[in-house]
Amino acid sequence: MRKFLLYISVLALIVSTSCNTELRRIEKSNNFEKKLAYADKLYQKKKYNTAITLYTDLIQVYKGTEKFEPLYYNFAYCSYYVKDYVQAAFQFKNYLDIFPNSPRAVEIDYMQAYCYYKQSPKVALDQTNTMKAIAAMQTFINNYPTAEKVAEANLVIELCRRKLEKKEYSSAELYYNLGFFKAAGIAFKNLMRNYPDSDKSDGYKIMAIRAYYNYAKNSIPEKQKERYETVLGEYLDFADHYPNSKLKPDAEKFYTLAQNNIKSLDNEQIKAKSNQ
């Protein structure tokens, strides 16, 4: 068994050394046809990092020839397959600039947009690439409304919007947890405005009501009545938009609390005037 394993190891070393020797010979060769064929062979074998090196050497050689487009097509995809999405997006864009009338233009335009999506980070991080992905996919849909990839593009946009929604929710929740209730109320209302079709929209409205209630409760007496009235207005808006929401009892609770506090404030004001 040990001899067999040793044999396999030696054989693998011989094959690896032979391949490396052949690669070095190909790299130094001026036989560009052979170099291109070897690069394509590496591409087919999914040895993309090595293929990139050869394709890079051949770009200027074949530029302007009929072999340049398939070469550059593989070259761009090499970056994508090694997960260098920044470089891949750049190369896909270059492909479109060089071959705007290519039969593959629709595919490459989609891949350029998809590379932005692949660069989209976790929710907690900056979402610039997520927004770029949405914009790029929307442009793709506008340019190719009947393309097969439109359904996938719409799905990517939806996934990106969900991520942005979670990001905005995290910010609004942070305002609330830190006691910045006015900012939280505005942030939760913005969530509703930005994502009107969200299945969490009534939850955002409840959080806005709760935030405005706490904002009123922690205000100076002179400002409390006005701010409790804001809570009443937010409740009426909730009841109008979400009459069947499971969260309606929570909204009613804050509506009742706000009403009672307004009555107490009015009674205190009447009492203060009678004592003058």
Protein backbone atom coordinates (compact mmCIF):
# COMPACT_ATOMS: atom_id res chain seq x y z
CA MET A 1 0.00 0.00 0.00
CA ARG A 2 2.83 2.39 0.90
CA LYS A 3 4.59 1.60 -2.35
CA PHE A 4 1.38 2.31 -4.26
CA LEU A 5 0.94 5.68 -2.54
CA LEU A 6 4.58 6.51 -3.18
CA TYR A 7 4.10 5.60 -6.84
CA ILE A 8 1.05 7.86 -7.11
CA SER A 9 2.92 10.76 -5.45
CA VAL A 10 5.91 10.38 -7.77
CA LEU A 11 3.64 10.14 -10.80
CA ALA A 12 1.76 13.30 -9.75
CA LEU A 13 5.07 15.11 -9.29
CA ILE A 14 6.26 14.03 -12.73
CA VAL A 15 3.00 15.17 -14.35
CA SER A 16 3.09 18.50 -12.49
CA THR A 17 6.73 19.11 -13.43
CA SER A 18 5.99 18.19 -17.04
CA CYS A 19 3.03 20.61 -17.14
CA ASN A 20 5.07 23.43 -15.61
CA THR A 21 7.88 22.81 -18.08
CA GLU A 22 5.43 22.89 -20.98
CA LEU A 23 3.83 26.09 -19.67
CA ARG A 24 7.19 27.86 -19.38
CA ARG A 25 8.06 26.75 -22.90
CA ILE A 26 4.71 27.99 -24.23
CA GLU A 27 5.08 31.32 -22.43
CA LYS A 28 8.47 31.95 -24.05
CA SER A 29 7.35 30.77 -27.47
CA ASN A 30 6.65 33.10 -30.39
CA ASN A 31 4.25 30.53 -31.82
CA PHE A 32 1.14 32.51 -30.98
CA GLU A 33 -1.27 29.99 -32.47
CA LYS A 34 0.11 27.31 -30.21
CA LYS A 35 0.03 29.68 -27.23
CA LEU A 36 -3.62 30.52 -27.89
CA ALA A 37 -4.53 26.87 -28.26
CA TYR A 38 -2.81 26.10 -24.96
CA ALA A 39 -4.59 29.01 -23.25
CA ASP A 40 -7.93 27.70 -24.52
CA LYS A 41 -6.99 24.22 -23.29
CA LEU A 42 -6.26 25.62 -19.82
CA TYR A 43 -9.58 27.49 -19.90
CA GLN A 44 -11.45 24.30 -20.72
CA LYS A 45 -9.66 22.57 -17.84
CA LYS A 46 -10.74 25.44 -15.54
CA LYS A 47 -7.15 26.51 -14.85
CA TYR A 48 -8.22 30.10 -15.11
CA ASN A 49 -5.35 31.84 -13.31
CA THR A 50 -2.81 30.31 -15.66
CA ALA A 51 -5.01 30.96 -18.69
CA ILE A 52 -5.26 34.65 -17.76
CA THR A 53 -1.48 34.98 -18.02
CA LEU A 54 -1.41 33.60 -21.55
CA TYR A 55 -4.47 35.51 -22.71
CA THR A 56 -2.92 38.74 -21.41
CA ASP A 57 0.16 38.14 -23.56
CA LEU A 58 -1.99 37.45 -26.62
CA ILE A 59 -4.41 40.39 -26.45
CA GLN A 60 -2.20 42.78 -28.42
CA VAL A 61 -1.23 40.02 -30.84
CA TYR A 62 -4.78 39.17 -31.88
CA LYS A 63 -6.40 42.58 -31.45
CA GLY A 64 -8.30 43.43 -34.62
CA THR A 65 -8.42 39.83 -35.85
CA GLU A 66 -11.35 37.41 -35.97
CA LYS A 67 -9.84 35.45 -33.09
CA PHE A 68 -9.77 38.43 -30.76
CA GLU A 69 -13.42 38.29 -29.69
CA PRO A 70 -13.46 34.64 -28.48
CA LEU A 71 -10.08 35.25 -26.84
CA TYR A 72 -11.37 38.29 -24.95
CA TYR A 73 -14.59 36.46 -24.06
CA ASN A 74 -12.61 33.72 -22.30
CA PHE A 75 -10.25 36.29 -20.81
CA ALA A 76 -13.13 38.20 -19.18
CA TYR A 77 -14.73 35.03 -17.85
CA CYS A 78 -11.42 33.91 -16.33
CA SER A 79 -11.60 36.83 -13.90
CA TYR A 80 -15.20 35.96 -13.10
CA TYR A 81 -14.44 32.30 -12.44
CA VAL A 82 -11.57 33.14 -10.07
CA LYS A 83 -14.03 35.42 -8.23
CA ASP A 84 -12.19 38.64 -9.05
CA TYR A 85 -15.48 40.41 -9.64
CA VAL A 86 -14.00 43.90 -9.79
CA GLN A 87 -11.70 42.90 -12.63
CA ALA A 88 -14.43 40.80 -14.27
CA ALA A 89 -16.85 43.74 -14.34
CA PHE A 90 -14.11 45.88 -15.89
CA GLN A 91 -13.32 43.27 -18.55
CA PHE A 92 -16.99 42.66 -19.38
CA LYS A 93 -17.42 46.42 -19.85
CA ASN A 94 -14.36 46.50 -22.10
CA TYR A 95 -15.79 43.62 -24.12
CA LEU A 96 -18.99 45.61 -24.73
CA ASP A 97 -16.97 48.72 -25.67
CA ILE A 98 -14.88 46.72 -28.16
CA PHE A 99 -17.68 44.50 -29.52
CA PRO A 100 -20.92 46.51 -29.10
CA ASN A 101 -22.67 44.56 -31.88
CA SER A 102 -21.56 41.12 -30.73
CA PRO A 103 -24.19 38.34 -30.61
CA ARG A 104 -22.97 37.87 -27.03
CA ALA A 105 -23.60 41.50 -26.05
CA VAL A 106 -26.77 40.69 -24.09
CA GLU A 107 -25.03 37.95 -22.12
CA ILE A 108 -22.00 40.12 -21.36
CA ASP A 109 -24.10 43.12 -20.38
CA TYR A 110 -25.92 40.92 -17.88
CA MET A 111 -22.66 39.53 -16.54
CA GLN A 112 -21.25 43.02 -16.02
CA ALA A 113 -24.30 43.88 -13.91
CA TYR A 114 -24.14 40.53 -12.12
CA CYS A 115 -20.55 41.23 -11.07
CA TYR A 116 -21.79 44.23 -9.06
CA TYR A 117 -24.25 41.92 -7.35
CA LYS A 118 -21.46 39.46 -6.55
CA GLN A 119 -19.56 42.35 -4.92
CA SER A 120 -22.55 43.22 -2.73
CA PRO A 121 -21.38 42.79 0.89
CA LYS A 122 -23.08 41.76 4.12
CA VAL A 123 -25.95 43.93 5.35
CA ALA A 124 -23.85 45.66 8.01
CA LEU A 125 -21.35 47.00 5.45
CA ASP A 126 -21.50 49.81 2.89
CA GLN A 127 -24.05 48.98 0.18
CA THR A 128 -22.67 51.03 -2.72
CA ASN A 129 -22.19 47.96 -4.89
CA THR A 130 -25.69 46.76 -4.05
CA MET A 131 -27.10 50.02 -5.38
CA LYS A 132 -24.83 49.76 -8.44
CA ALA A 133 -26.17 46.26 -9.05
CA ILE A 134 -29.77 47.51 -8.94
CA ALA A 135 -28.99 50.35 -11.36
CA ALA A 136 -27.05 48.08 -13.72
CA MET A 137 -29.76 45.40 -13.75
CA GLN A 138 -32.46 48.00 -14.36
CA THR A 139 -30.45 49.39 -17.27
CA PHE A 140 -30.11 45.85 -18.62
CA ILE A 141 -33.88 45.33 -18.41
CA ASN A 142 -34.52 48.67 -20.12
CA ASN A 143 -32.07 47.87 -22.92
CA TYR A 144 -33.19 44.26 -23.46
CA PRO A 145 -36.82 44.00 -22.27
CA THR A 146 -37.42 40.70 -24.10
CA ALA A 147 -34.15 38.98 -23.13
CA GLU A 148 -34.25 35.60 -21.38
CA LYS A 149 -32.20 37.03 -18.51
CA VAL A 150 -34.84 39.65 -17.62
CA ALA A 151 -36.46 37.34 -15.05
CA GLU A 152 -33.10 36.74 -13.39
CA ALA A 153 -32.32 40.46 -13.49
CA ASN A 154 -35.61 41.20 -11.72
CA LEU A 155 -34.79 38.58 -9.10
CA VAL A 156 -31.37 40.14 -8.48
CA ILE A 157 -33.01 43.57 -8.08
CA GLU A 158 -35.47 42.10 -5.58
CA LEU A 159 -32.69 40.44 -3.57
CA CYS A 160 -30.71 43.67 -3.55
CA ARG A 161 -33.71 45.68 -2.42
CA ARG A 162 -34.30 43.24 0.43
CA LYS A 163 -30.72 43.74 1.54
CA LEU A 164 -31.07 47.53 1.41
CA GLU A 165 -34.33 47.22 3.33
CA LYS A 166 -32.58 45.24 6.07
CA LYS A 167 -29.81 47.85 6.13
CA GLU A 168 -32.30 50.70 6.56
CA TYR A 169 -34.20 48.75 9.20
CA SER A 170 -30.98 48.22 11.18
CA SER A 171 -30.30 51.96 11.12
CA ALA A 172 -33.85 52.82 12.21
CA GLU A 173 -33.72 50.22 14.98
CA LEU A 174 -30.41 51.61 16.18
CA TYR A 175 -31.88 55.13 16.44
CA TYR A 176 -34.74 53.69 18.49
CA ASN A 177 -32.51 51.66 20.80
CA LEU A 178 -30.28 54.67 21.42
CA GLY A 179 -33.29 56.79 22.38
CA PHE A 180 -33.23 59.03 19.31
CA PHE A 181 -36.98 58.65 18.93
CA LYS A 182 -37.67 61.45 16.47
CA ALA A 183 -34.95 60.18 14.11
CA ALA A 184 -36.27 56.63 14.56
CA GLY A 185 -39.81 57.71 13.66
CA ILE A 186 -38.58 59.42 10.50
CA ALA A 187 -36.39 56.43 9.58
CA PHE A 188 -39.24 53.92 9.97
CA LYS A 189 -41.54 56.12 7.89
CA ASN A 190 -38.85 56.31 5.22
CA LEU A 191 -38.72 52.52 5.23
CA MET A 192 -42.43 52.42 4.45
CA ARG A 193 -42.01 55.00 1.71
CA ASN A 194 -39.00 53.28 0.13
CA TYR A 195 -40.44 49.75 0.32
CA PRO A 196 -44.23 50.13 0.01
CA ASP A 197 -44.70 46.52 -1.09
CA SER A 198 -42.78 45.04 1.83
CA ASP A 199 -44.60 42.42 3.89
CA LYS A 200 -43.12 44.14 6.95
CA SER A 201 -44.62 47.54 6.15
CA ASP A 202 -47.20 47.46 8.97
CA GLY A 203 -44.40 46.55 11.40
CA TYR A 204 -42.46 49.61 10.32
CA LYS A 205 -45.55 51.73 10.88
CA ILE A 206 -45.96 50.35 14.40
CA MET A 207 -42.35 51.18 15.16
CA ALA A 208 -42.89 54.72 13.85
CA ILE A 209 -45.94 55.10 16.13
CA ARG A 210 -43.99 53.75 19.09
CA ALA A 211 -41.04 56.04 18.35
CA TYR A 212 -43.24 59.13 18.07
CA TYR A 213 -45.04 58.17 21.28
CA ASN A 214 -41.76 57.94 23.17
CA TYR A 215 -40.59 61.17 21.57
CA ALA A 216 -43.71 62.90 22.91
CA LYS A 217 -43.43 61.25 26.32
CA ASN A 218 -39.83 62.46 26.75
CA SER A 219 -40.50 65.99 25.49
CA ILE A 220 -40.87 69.10 27.61
CA PRO A 221 -44.52 69.65 28.72
CA GLU A 222 -45.00 72.56 26.33
CA LYS A 223 -44.31 70.27 23.34
CA GLN A 224 -46.03 67.10 24.49
CA LYS A 225 -49.59 67.73 23.30
CA GLU A 226 -48.51 68.57 19.76
CA ARG A 227 -46.34 65.46 19.61
CA TYR A 228 -49.00 63.16 21.05
CA GLU A 229 -51.28 64.47 18.31
CA THR A 230 -48.70 63.25 15.84
CA VAL A 231 -49.15 59.78 17.35
CA LEU A 232 -52.92 60.03 16.81
CA GLY A 233 -52.36 60.98 13.18
CA GLU A 234 -49.96 58.09 12.67
CA TYR A 235 -52.50 55.67 14.15
CA LEU A 236 -55.28 56.90 11.85
CA ASP A 237 -52.93 56.42 8.91
CA PHE A 238 -52.15 52.89 10.15
CA ALA A 239 -55.85 52.04 10.48
CA ASP A 240 -56.48 53.35 6.97
CA HIS A 241 -53.66 51.41 5.30
CA TYR A 242 -53.63 48.22 7.41
CA PRO A 243 -57.22 47.62 8.62
CA ASN A 244 -56.67 43.85 8.89
CA SER A 245 -53.17 43.87 10.33
CA LYS A 246 -52.41 41.57 13.25
CA LEU A 247 -50.52 44.51 14.75
CA LYS A 248 -53.60 46.75 14.93
CA PRO A 249 -54.14 46.08 18.70
CA ASP A 250 -50.62 47.44 19.36
CA ALA A 251 -51.40 50.53 17.31
CA GLU A 252 -54.67 51.01 19.22
CA LYS A 253 -52.79 50.78 22.50
CA PHE A 254 -50.58 53.74 21.61
CA TYR A 255 -53.57 55.62 20.24
CA THR A 256 -55.38 55.22 23.57
CA LEU A 257 -52.28 56.17 25.56
CA ALA A 258 -51.77 59.27 23.45
CA GLN A 259 -55.43 60.27 23.84
CA ASN A 260 -55.30 59.81 27.60
CA ASN A 261 -52.10 61.84 27.87
CA ILE A 262 -53.61 64.65 25.82
CA LYS A 263 -56.64 64.68 28.15
CA SER A 264 -54.34 64.79 31.18
CA LEU A 265 -52.38 67.67 29.69
CA ASP A 266 -55.61 69.55 28.91
CA ASN A 267 -56.89 68.98 32.46
CA GLU A 268 -53.61 70.19 33.93
CA GLN A 269 -53.79 73.28 31.77
CA ILE A 270 -57.39 74.00 32.87
CA LYS A 271 -56.43 73.41 36.48
CA ALA A 272 -53.46 75.73 36.19
CA LYS A 273 -55.63 78.50 34.75
CA SER A 274 -58.27 78.10 37.50
CA ASN A 275 -55.59 78.49 40.15
CA GLN A 276 -54.34 81.75 38.72
